[in-house]
Amino acid sequence: MNPKDNLDVAMSAREMADSAPPGSLHQAAATSVAISCATARDIDQARVALDGITPDEVRQAAIEIFDRLAASGEPGASTP
């Protein structure tokens, strides 16, 4: 499996956010990943951008989603 680029991660995270319950931590975290990845120049910049997310619980969940999606070659691989 090859690591994904930031646009692949953004698309997968957007799909996760769309399927998460509205207003849930999972939706907020996945949306944060999708936005960070879609607006970053590359995957490394996207990861750095996630450090600025607040509150802490959303940041931690977003980083976990990002790490799983970025390392995976499978779309939606981090879906619980």
PDB file of N, CA and C in Angstrom:
ATOM      1  N   MET A   1       0.824  -1.180   0.000  1.00  0.00           N
ATOM      2  CA  MET A   1       0.000   0.000   0.000  1.00  0.00           C
ATOM      3  C   MET A   1       0.869   1.244   0.000  1.00  0.00           C
ATOM      4  N   ASN A   2       0.508   2.216  -0.801  1.00  0.00           N
ATOM      5  CA  ASN A   2       1.232   3.472  -0.852  1.00  0.00           C
ATOM      6  C   ASN A   2       0.535   4.504   0.026  1.00  0.00           C
ATOM      7  N   PRO A   3       1.302   5.352   0.667  1.00  0.00           N
ATOM      8  CA  PRO A   3       0.674   6.436   1.429  1.00  0.00           C
ATOM      9  C   PRO A   3      -0.122   7.338   0.486  1.00  0.00           C
ATOM     10  N   LYS A   4      -1.155   7.949   0.989  1.00  0.00           N
ATOM     11  CA  LYS A   4      -1.985   8.832   0.178  1.00  0.00           C
ATOM     12  C   LYS A   4      -1.418  10.235   0.148  1.00  0.00           C
ATOM     13  N   ASP A   5      -1.807  11.004  -0.878  1.00  0.00           N
ATOM     14  CA  ASP A   5      -1.453  12.414  -0.878  1.00  0.00           C
ATOM     15  C   ASP A   5      -2.562  13.198  -0.181  1.00  0.00           C
ATOM     16  N   ASN A   6      -2.350  14.495   0.013  1.00  0.00           N
ATOM     17  CA  ASN A   6      -3.297  15.269   0.808  1.00  0.00           C
ATOM     18  C   ASN A   6      -4.689  15.338   0.201  1.00  0.00           C
ATOM     19  N   LEU A   7      -4.807  15.336  -1.112  1.00  0.00           N
ATOM     20  CA  LEU A   7      -6.140  15.388  -1.720  1.00  0.00           C
ATOM     21  C   LEU A   7      -6.881  14.067  -1.560  1.00  0.00           C
ATOM     22  N   ASP A   8      -6.165  12.949  -1.596  1.00  0.00           N
ATOM     23  CA  ASP A   8      -6.790  11.647  -1.331  1.00  0.00           C
ATOM     24  C   ASP A   8      -7.313  11.593   0.107  1.00  0.00           C
ATOM     25  N   VAL A   9      -6.496  12.064   1.040  1.00  0.00           N
ATOM     26  CA  VAL A   9      -6.896  12.074   2.451  1.00  0.00           C
ATOM     27  C   VAL A   9      -8.096  12.999   2.635  1.00  0.00           C
ATOM     28  N   ALA A  10      -8.077  14.158   1.993  1.00  0.00           N
ATOM     29  CA  ALA A  10      -9.197  15.096   2.094  1.00  0.00           C
ATOM     30  C   ALA A  10     -10.492  14.461   1.615  1.00  0.00           C
ATOM     31  N   MET A  11     -10.437  13.756   0.501  1.00  0.00           N
ATOM     32  CA  MET A  11     -11.640  13.124  -0.038  1.00  0.00           C
ATOM     33  C   MET A  11     -12.155  12.024   0.900  1.00  0.00           C
ATOM     34  N   SER A  12     -11.258  11.206   1.400  1.00  0.00           N
ATOM     35  CA  SER A  12     -11.671  10.147   2.323  1.00  0.00           C
ATOM     36  C   SER A  12     -12.242  10.726   3.615  1.00  0.00           C
ATOM     37  N   ALA A  13     -11.608  11.770   4.130  1.00  0.00           N
ATOM     38  CA  ALA A  13     -12.091  12.404   5.361  1.00  0.00           C
ATOM     39  C   ALA A  13     -13.457  13.056   5.133  1.00  0.00           C
ATOM     40  N   ARG A  14     -13.657  13.657   3.986  1.00  0.00           N
ATOM     41  CA  ARG A  14     -14.957  14.261   3.660  1.00  0.00           C
ATOM     42  C   ARG A  14     -16.044  13.200   3.645  1.00  0.00           C
ATOM     43  N   GLU A  15     -15.750  12.031   3.072  1.00  0.00           N
ATOM     44  CA  GLU A  15     -16.717  10.931   3.051  1.00  0.00           C
ATOM     45  C   GLU A  15     -17.039  10.470   4.469  1.00  0.00           C
ATOM     46  N   MET A  16     -16.009  10.402   5.319  1.00  0.00           N
ATOM     47  CA  MET A  16     -16.226  10.024   6.715  1.00  0.00           C
ATOM     48  C   MET A  16     -17.105  11.050   7.419  1.00  0.00           C
ATOM     49  N   ALA A  17     -16.828  12.326   7.203  1.00  0.00           N
ATOM     50  CA  ALA A  17     -17.613  13.385   7.838  1.00  0.00           C
ATOM     51  C   ALA A  17     -19.066  13.335   7.384  1.00  0.00           C
ATOM     52  N   ASP A  18     -19.272  13.090   6.108  1.00  0.00           N
ATOM     53  CA  ASP A  18     -20.629  13.027   5.570  1.00  0.00           C
ATOM     54  C   ASP A  18     -21.434  11.869   6.149  1.00  0.00           C
ATOM     55  N   SER A  19     -20.757  10.783   6.513  1.00  0.00           N
ATOM     56  CA  SER A  19     -21.471   9.615   7.038  1.00  0.00           C
ATOM     57  C   SER A  19     -21.552   9.600   8.566  1.00  0.00           C
ATOM     58  N   ALA A  20     -20.880  10.533   9.228  1.00  0.00           N
ATOM     59  CA  ALA A  20     -20.904  10.595  10.696  1.00  0.00           C
ATOM     60  C   ALA A  20     -22.180  11.281  11.172  1.00  0.00           C
ATOM     61  N   PRO A  21     -22.606  10.956  12.384  1.00  0.00           N
ATOM     62  CA  PRO A  21     -23.795  11.630  12.925  1.00  0.00           C
ATOM     63  C   PRO A  21     -23.563  13.139  13.019  1.00  0.00           C
ATOM     64  N   PRO A  22     -24.545  13.927  12.603  1.00  0.00           N
ATOM     65  CA  PRO A  22     -24.409  15.387  12.668  1.00  0.00           C
ATOM     66  C   PRO A  22     -24.091  15.858  14.091  1.00  0.00           C
ATOM     67  N   GLY A  23     -23.129  16.756  14.192  1.00  0.00           N
ATOM     68  CA  GLY A  23     -22.753  17.316  15.474  1.00  0.00           C
ATOM     69  C   GLY A  23     -21.856  16.442  16.326  1.00  0.00           C
ATOM     70  N   SER A  24     -21.462  15.290  15.813  1.00  0.00           N
ATOM     71  CA  SER A  24     -20.638  14.366  16.590  1.00  0.00           C
ATOM     72  C   SER A  24     -19.164  14.760  16.557  1.00  0.00           C
ATOM     73  N   LEU A  25     -18.429  14.255  17.525  1.00  0.00           N
ATOM     74  CA  LEU A  25     -16.988  14.457  17.556  1.00  0.00           C
ATOM     75  C   LEU A  25     -16.359  13.917  16.276  1.00  0.00           C
ATOM     76  N   HIS A  26     -16.801  12.763  15.836  1.00  0.00           N
ATOM     77  CA  HIS A  26     -16.248  12.138  14.626  1.00  0.00           C
ATOM     78  C   HIS A  26     -16.478  13.031  13.403  1.00  0.00           C
ATOM     79  N   GLN A  27     -17.653  13.638  13.310  1.00  0.00           N
ATOM     80  CA  GLN A  27     -17.931  14.524  12.183  1.00  0.00           C
ATOM     81  C   GLN A  27     -17.026  15.758  12.239  1.00  0.00           C
ATOM     82  N   ALA A  28     -16.888  16.350  13.411  1.00  0.00           N
ATOM     83  CA  ALA A  28     -16.041  17.540  13.551  1.00  0.00           C
ATOM     84  C   ALA A  28     -14.590  17.217  13.222  1.00  0.00           C
ATOM     85  N   ALA A  29     -14.104  16.089  13.707  1.00  0.00           N
ATOM     86  CA  ALA A  29     -12.714  15.719  13.467  1.00  0.00           C
ATOM     87  C   ALA A  29     -12.472  15.406  11.988  1.00  0.00           C
ATOM     88  N   ALA A  30     -13.353  14.639  11.389  1.00  0.00           N
ATOM     89  CA  ALA A  30     -13.189  14.288   9.980  1.00  0.00           C
ATOM     90  C   ALA A  30     -13.296  15.525   9.083  1.00  0.00           C
ATOM     91  N   THR A  31     -14.194  16.437   9.422  1.00  0.00           N
ATOM     92  CA  THR A  31     -14.316  17.679   8.662  1.00  0.00           C
ATOM     93  C   THR A  31     -13.041  18.505   8.785  1.00  0.00           C
ATOM     94  N   SER A  32     -12.473  18.543   9.977  1.00  0.00           N
ATOM     95  CA  SER A  32     -11.215  19.271  10.189  1.00  0.00           C
ATOM     96  C   SER A  32     -10.093  18.691   9.338  1.00  0.00           C
ATOM     97  N   VAL A  33     -10.036  17.375   9.256  1.00  0.00           N
ATOM     98  CA  VAL A  33      -9.023  16.714   8.426  1.00  0.00           C
ATOM     99  C   VAL A  33      -9.260  17.043   6.957  1.00  0.00           C
ATOM    100  N   ALA A  34     -10.507  16.967   6.527  1.00  0.00           N
ATOM    101  CA  ALA A  34     -10.823  17.240   5.126  1.00  0.00           C
ATOM    102  C   ALA A  34     -10.418  18.662   4.731  1.00  0.00           C
ATOM    103  N   ILE A  35     -10.743  19.626   5.568  1.00  0.00           N
ATOM    104  CA  ILE A  35     -10.416  21.020   5.265  1.00  0.00           C
ATOM    105  C   ILE A  35      -8.904  21.245   5.299  1.00  0.00           C
ATOM    106  N   SER A  36      -8.253  20.721   6.319  1.00  0.00           N
ATOM    107  CA  SER A  36      -6.796  20.901   6.432  1.00  0.00           C
ATOM    108  C   SER A  36      -6.073  20.309   5.235  1.00  0.00           C
ATOM    109  N   CYS A  37      -6.490  19.131   4.830  1.00  0.00           N
ATOM    110  CA  CYS A  37      -5.822  18.469   3.698  1.00  0.00           C
ATOM    111  C   CYS A  37      -6.154  19.136   2.368  1.00  0.00           C
ATOM    112  N   ALA A  38      -7.379  19.576   2.201  1.00  0.00           N
ATOM    113  CA  ALA A  38      -7.783  20.188   0.936  1.00  0.00           C
ATOM    114  C   ALA A  38      -7.120  21.537   0.708  1.00  0.00           C
ATOM    115  N   THR A  39      -6.742  22.204   1.788  1.00  0.00           N
ATOM    116  CA  THR A  39      -6.169  23.544   1.649  1.00  0.00           C
ATOM    117  C   THR A  39      -4.653  23.575   1.810  1.00  0.00           C
ATOM    118  N   ALA A  40      -4.049  22.451   2.078  1.00  0.00           N
ATOM    119  CA  ALA A  40      -2.599  22.391   2.278  1.00  0.00           C
ATOM    120  C   ALA A  40      -1.875  22.120   0.960  1.00  0.00           C
ATOM    121  N   ARG A  41      -0.611  22.549   0.913  1.00  0.00           N
ATOM    122  CA  ARG A  41       0.213  22.275  -0.275  1.00  0.00           C
ATOM    123  C   ARG A  41       0.565  20.805  -0.388  1.00  0.00           C
ATOM    124  N   ASP A  42       0.783  20.168   0.777  1.00  0.00           N
ATOM    125  CA  ASP A  42       1.163  18.763   0.768  1.00  0.00           C
ATOM    126  C   ASP A  42       0.725  18.105   2.073  1.00  0.00           C
ATOM    127  N   ILE A  43       0.956  16.818   2.176  1.00  0.00           N
ATOM    128  CA  ILE A  43       0.502  16.037   3.331  1.00  0.00           C
ATOM    129  C   ILE A  43       1.193  16.484   4.622  1.00  0.00           C
ATOM    130  N   ASP A  44       2.460  16.881   4.527  1.00  0.00           N
ATOM    131  CA  ASP A  44       3.171  17.338   5.720  1.00  0.00           C
ATOM    132  C   ASP A  44       2.590  18.651   6.246  1.00  0.00           C
ATOM    133  N   GLN A  45       2.296  19.573   5.359  1.00  0.00           N
ATOM    134  CA  GLN A  45       1.699  20.845   5.775  1.00  0.00           C
ATOM    135  C   GLN A  45       0.312  20.610   6.364  1.00  0.00           C
ATOM    136  N   ALA A  46      -0.436  19.670   5.800  1.00  0.00           N
ATOM    137  CA  ALA A  46      -1.764  19.353   6.334  1.00  0.00           C
ATOM    138  C   ALA A  46      -1.658  18.847   7.766  1.00  0.00           C
ATOM    139  N   ARG A  47      -0.682  18.002   8.037  1.00  0.00           N
ATOM    140  CA  ARG A  47      -0.509  17.450   9.388  1.00  0.00           C
ATOM    141  C   ARG A  47      -0.164  18.564  10.374  1.00  0.00           C
ATOM    142  N   VAL A  48       0.688  19.485   9.982  1.00  0.00           N
ATOM    143  CA  VAL A  48       1.054  20.606  10.850  1.00  0.00           C
ATOM    144  C   VAL A  48      -0.176  21.469  11.136  1.00  0.00           C
ATOM    145  N   ALA A  49      -1.010  21.679  10.137  1.00  0.00           N
ATOM    146  CA  ALA A  49      -2.210  22.503  10.318  1.00  0.00           C
ATOM    147  C   ALA A  49      -3.151  21.920  11.366  1.00  0.00           C
ATOM    148  N   LEU A  50      -3.177  20.609  11.484  1.00  0.00           N
ATOM    149  CA  LEU A  50      -4.067  19.972  12.465  1.00  0.00           C
ATOM    150  C   LEU A  50      -3.692  20.325  13.900  1.00  0.00           C
ATOM    151  N   ASP A  51      -2.444  20.693  14.137  1.00  0.00           N
ATOM    152  CA  ASP A  51      -2.016  21.059  15.490  1.00  0.00           C
ATOM    153  C   ASP A  51      -2.729  22.305  16.009  1.00  0.00           C
ATOM    154  N   GLY A  52      -3.293  23.111  15.130  1.00  0.00           N
ATOM    155  CA  GLY A  52      -3.965  24.331  15.541  1.00  0.00           C
ATOM    156  C   GLY A  52      -5.450  24.179  15.815  1.00  0.00           C
ATOM    157  N   ILE A  53      -5.977  22.981  15.666  1.00  0.00           N
ATOM    158  CA  ILE A  53      -7.414  22.763  15.869  1.00  0.00           C
ATOM    159  C   ILE A  53      -7.748  22.797  17.357  1.00  0.00           C
ATOM    160  N   THR A  54      -8.851  23.444  17.679  1.00  0.00           N
ATOM    161  CA  THR A  54      -9.380  23.436  19.043  1.00  0.00           C
ATOM    162  C   THR A  54     -10.848  23.051  18.972  1.00  0.00           C
ATOM    163  N   PRO A  55     -11.386  22.463  19.996  1.00  0.00           N
ATOM    164  CA  PRO A  55     -10.802  22.072  21.279  1.00  0.00           C
ATOM    165  C   PRO A  55      -9.912  20.836  21.158  1.00  0.00           C
ATOM    166  N   ASP A  56      -9.243  20.527  22.264  1.00  0.00           N
ATOM    167  CA  ASP A  56      -8.278  19.428  22.293  1.00  0.00           C
ATOM    168  C   ASP A  56      -8.865  18.102  21.828  1.00  0.00           C
ATOM    169  N   GLU A  57     -10.097  17.795  22.245  1.00  0.00           N
ATOM    170  CA  GLU A  57     -10.663  16.489  21.887  1.00  0.00           C
ATOM    171  C   GLU A  57     -10.881  16.369  20.381  1.00  0.00           C
ATOM    172  N   VAL A  58     -11.232  17.450  19.724  1.00  0.00           N
ATOM    173  CA  VAL A  58     -11.391  17.430  18.264  1.00  0.00           C
ATOM    174  C   VAL A  58     -10.021  17.285  17.616  1.00  0.00           C
ATOM    175  N   ARG A  59      -9.022  18.010  18.124  1.00  0.00           N
ATOM    176  CA  ARG A  59      -7.672  17.909  17.572  1.00  0.00           C
ATOM    177  C   ARG A  59      -7.149  16.484  17.674  1.00  0.00           C
ATOM    178  N   GLN A  60      -7.282  15.875  18.831  1.00  0.00           N
ATOM    179  CA  GLN A  60      -6.779  14.504  19.013  1.00  0.00           C
ATOM    180  C   GLN A  60      -7.486  13.525  18.077  1.00  0.00           C
ATOM    181  N   ALA A  61      -8.811  13.643  17.969  1.00  0.00           N
ATOM    182  CA  ALA A  61      -9.557  12.759  17.069  1.00  0.00           C
ATOM    183  C   ALA A  61      -9.170  13.007  15.612  1.00  0.00           C
ATOM    184  N   ALA A  62      -8.962  14.261  15.244  1.00  0.00           N
ATOM    185  CA  ALA A  62      -8.566  14.598  13.873  1.00  0.00           C
ATOM    186  C   ALA A  62      -7.192  14.025  13.546  1.00  0.00           C
ATOM    187  N   ILE A  63      -6.267  14.136  14.476  1.00  0.00           N
ATOM    188  CA  ILE A  63      -4.921  13.594  14.250  1.00  0.00           C
ATOM    189  C   ILE A  63      -4.976  12.079  14.089  1.00  0.00           C
ATOM    190  N   GLU A  64      -5.796  11.419  14.884  1.00  0.00           N
ATOM    191  CA  GLU A  64      -5.932   9.964  14.751  1.00  0.00           C
ATOM    192  C   GLU A  64      -6.505   9.591  13.386  1.00  0.00           C
ATOM    193  N   ILE A  65      -7.538  10.300  12.956  1.00  0.00           N
ATOM    194  CA  ILE A  65      -8.128  10.041  11.633  1.00  0.00           C
ATOM    195  C   ILE A  65      -7.094  10.307  10.544  1.00  0.00           C
ATOM    196  N   PHE A  66      -6.428  11.449  10.635  1.00  0.00           N
ATOM    197  CA  PHE A  66      -5.417  11.799   9.643  1.00  0.00           C
ATOM    198  C   PHE A  66      -4.332  10.732   9.548  1.00  0.00           C
ATOM    199  N   ASP A  67      -3.797  10.323  10.696  1.00  0.00           N
ATOM    200  CA  ASP A  67      -2.716   9.329  10.693  1.00  0.00           C
ATOM    201  C   ASP A  67      -3.151   8.025  10.039  1.00  0.00           C
ATOM    202  N   ARG A  68      -4.362   7.588  10.334  1.00  0.00           N
ATOM    203  CA  ARG A  68      -4.843   6.338   9.726  1.00  0.00           C
ATOM    204  C   ARG A  68      -5.070   6.492   8.233  1.00  0.00           C
ATOM    205  N   LEU A  69      -5.695   7.588   7.829  1.00  0.00           N
ATOM    206  CA  LEU A  69      -5.961   7.786   6.401  1.00  0.00           C
ATOM    207  C   LEU A  69      -4.684   8.027   5.605  1.00  0.00           C
ATOM    208  N   ALA A  70      -3.779   8.807   6.144  1.00  0.00           N
ATOM    209  CA  ALA A  70      -2.549   9.141   5.420  1.00  0.00           C
ATOM    210  C   ALA A  70      -1.652   7.923   5.231  1.00  0.00           C
ATOM    211  N   ALA A  71      -1.700   6.996   6.172  1.00  0.00           N
ATOM    212  CA  ALA A  71      -0.837   5.810   6.099  1.00  0.00           C
ATOM    213  C   ALA A  71      -1.464   4.695   5.263  1.00  0.00           C
ATOM    214  N   SER A  72      -2.727   4.800   4.974  1.00  0.00           N
ATOM    215  CA  SER A  72      -3.442   3.715   4.321  1.00  0.00           C
ATOM    216  C   SER A  72      -3.592   3.940   2.826  1.00  0.00           C
ATOM    217  N   GLY A  73      -3.589   2.872   2.088  1.00  0.00           N
ATOM    218  CA  GLY A  73      -3.890   2.927   0.666  1.00  0.00           C
ATOM    219  C   GLY A  73      -5.336   2.599   0.397  1.00  0.00           C
ATOM    220  N   GLU A  74      -6.108   2.376   1.452  1.00  0.00           N
ATOM    221  CA  GLU A  74      -7.497   1.984   1.314  1.00  0.00           C
ATOM    222  C   GLU A  74      -8.417   3.140   1.647  1.00  0.00           C
ATOM    223  N   PRO A  75      -9.325   3.519   0.750  1.00  0.00           N
ATOM    224  CA  PRO A  75     -10.283   4.578   1.075  1.00  0.00           C
ATOM    225  C   PRO A  75     -11.147   4.177   2.266  1.00  0.00           C
ATOM    226  N   GLY A  76     -11.358   5.119   3.174  1.00  0.00           N
ATOM    227  CA  GLY A  76     -12.215   4.860   4.311  1.00  0.00           C
ATOM    228  C   GLY A  76     -11.667   3.866   5.317  1.00  0.00           C
ATOM    229  N   ALA A  77     -10.363   3.622   5.279  1.00  0.00           N
ATOM    230  CA  ALA A  77      -9.770   2.580   6.132  1.00  0.00           C
ATOM    231  C   ALA A  77      -9.899   2.868   7.602  1.00  0.00           C
ATOM    232  N   SER A  78     -10.118   4.104   7.986  1.00  0.00           N
ATOM    233  CA  SER A  78     -10.200   4.414   9.413  1.00  0.00           C
ATOM    234  C   SER A  78     -11.630   4.473   9.934  1.00  0.00           C
ATOM    235  N   THR A  79     -12.591   4.124   9.111  1.00  0.00           N
ATOM    236  CA  THR A  79     -13.962   4.154   9.580  1.00  0.00           C
ATOM    237  C   THR A  79     -14.118   3.164  10.716  1.00  0.00           C
ATOM    238  N   PRO A  80     -14.660   3.622  11.850  1.00  0.00           N
ATOM    239  CA  PRO A  80     -14.777   2.733  13.017  1.00  0.00           C
ATOM    240  C   PRO A  80     -15.743   1.603  12.781  1.00  0.00           C
TER     241      PRO A  80
END
